[in-house]
N, C-alpha and C. Protein backbone atom coordinates (compact mmCIF):
# COMPACT_ATOMS: atom_id res chain seq x y z
N MET A 1 97.14 100.41 116.77
CA MET A 1 98.40 100.88 117.36
C MET A 1 99.23 99.68 117.81
N PHE A 2 98.55 98.71 118.44
CA PHE A 2 99.27 97.54 118.93
C PHE A 2 99.90 96.76 117.79
N ILE A 3 99.16 96.62 116.69
CA ILE A 3 99.68 95.87 115.53
C ILE A 3 100.90 96.58 114.95
N ALA A 4 100.82 97.89 114.87
CA ALA A 4 101.94 98.66 114.31
C ALA A 4 103.18 98.47 115.18
N LEU A 5 103.00 98.50 116.49
CA LEU A 5 104.14 98.31 117.40
C LEU A 5 104.73 96.92 117.22
N LEU A 6 103.86 95.92 117.10
CA LEU A 6 104.31 94.54 116.92
C LEU A 6 105.13 94.41 115.64
N ILE A 7 104.63 95.00 114.55
CA ILE A 7 105.35 94.93 113.27
C ILE A 7 106.70 95.63 113.38
N PHE A 8 106.72 96.77 114.09
CA PHE A 8 107.96 97.52 114.26
C PHE A 8 108.99 96.68 115.01
N ILE A 9 108.56 96.06 116.10
CA ILE A 9 109.48 95.22 116.89
C ILE A 9 109.96 94.04 116.06
N LEU A 10 109.04 93.43 115.30
CA LEU A 10 109.43 92.29 114.45
C LEU A 10 110.46 92.71 113.43
N THR A 11 110.26 93.88 112.81
CA THR A 11 111.20 94.35 111.79
C THR A 11 112.57 94.62 112.41
N ILE A 12 112.58 95.28 113.57
CA ILE A 12 113.85 95.58 114.24
C ILE A 12 114.57 94.28 114.59
N THR A 13 113.82 93.31 115.11
CA THR A 13 114.44 92.03 115.49
C THR A 13 115.02 91.34 114.27
N PHE A 14 114.27 91.35 113.17
CA PHE A 14 114.73 90.68 111.97
C PHE A 14 116.00 91.35 111.42
N VAL A 15 116.01 92.67 111.44
CA VAL A 15 117.18 93.40 110.92
C VAL A 15 118.40 93.13 111.79
N ILE A 16 118.20 93.07 113.11
CA ILE A 16 119.34 92.83 114.01
C ILE A 16 119.79 91.37 113.91
N TRP A 17 118.80 90.45 113.71
CA TRP A 17 119.12 89.03 113.63
C TRP A 17 119.94 88.72 112.38
N GLN A 18 119.51 89.26 111.23
CA GLN A 18 120.24 88.99 109.97
C GLN A 18 120.57 90.32 109.28
N PRO A 19 121.59 91.01 109.77
CA PRO A 19 121.97 92.29 109.15
C PRO A 19 122.60 92.09 107.77
N LYS A 20 123.47 91.08 107.67
CA LYS A 20 124.12 90.83 106.38
C LYS A 20 123.17 90.13 105.42
N GLY A 21 122.19 89.42 105.97
CA GLY A 21 121.24 88.70 105.12
C GLY A 21 120.39 89.68 104.31
N LEU A 22 119.99 90.78 104.97
CA LEU A 22 119.16 91.76 104.25
C LEU A 22 120.05 92.57 103.32
N GLY A 23 120.85 93.48 103.90
CA GLY A 23 121.77 94.27 103.08
C GLY A 23 121.05 95.20 102.12
N LEU A 24 119.74 95.46 102.35
CA LEU A 24 119.01 96.34 101.43
C LEU A 24 118.57 97.62 102.14
N VAL A 25 118.64 97.62 103.48
CA VAL A 25 118.27 98.84 104.22
C VAL A 25 119.53 99.62 104.60
N GLY A 26 120.66 98.91 104.69
CA GLY A 26 121.91 99.58 105.06
C GLY A 26 121.97 99.82 106.55
N VAL A 27 121.49 98.83 107.34
CA VAL A 27 121.50 98.99 108.80
C VAL A 27 122.73 98.38 109.45
N PRO A 28 123.42 97.43 108.78
CA PRO A 28 124.59 96.79 109.38
C PRO A 28 125.58 97.80 109.96
N GLN A 29 125.87 98.86 109.23
CA GLN A 29 126.82 99.86 109.71
C GLN A 29 126.25 100.61 110.91
N TRP A 30 124.91 100.84 110.90
CA TRP A 30 124.30 101.57 112.00
C TRP A 30 124.31 100.73 113.27
N VAL A 31 124.08 99.40 113.11
CA VAL A 31 124.04 98.52 114.28
C VAL A 31 125.44 98.34 114.85
N ARG A 32 126.40 98.13 114.00
CA ARG A 32 127.78 97.90 114.46
C ARG A 32 128.44 99.23 114.73
């Protein structure tokens, strides 16, 4: 459970850090 939470937080941080860098999940519009 702890590992899953850590991965989730890491993914969220990465998506927020580089929204335009990814551009494959389509989160930039959701964040902004």
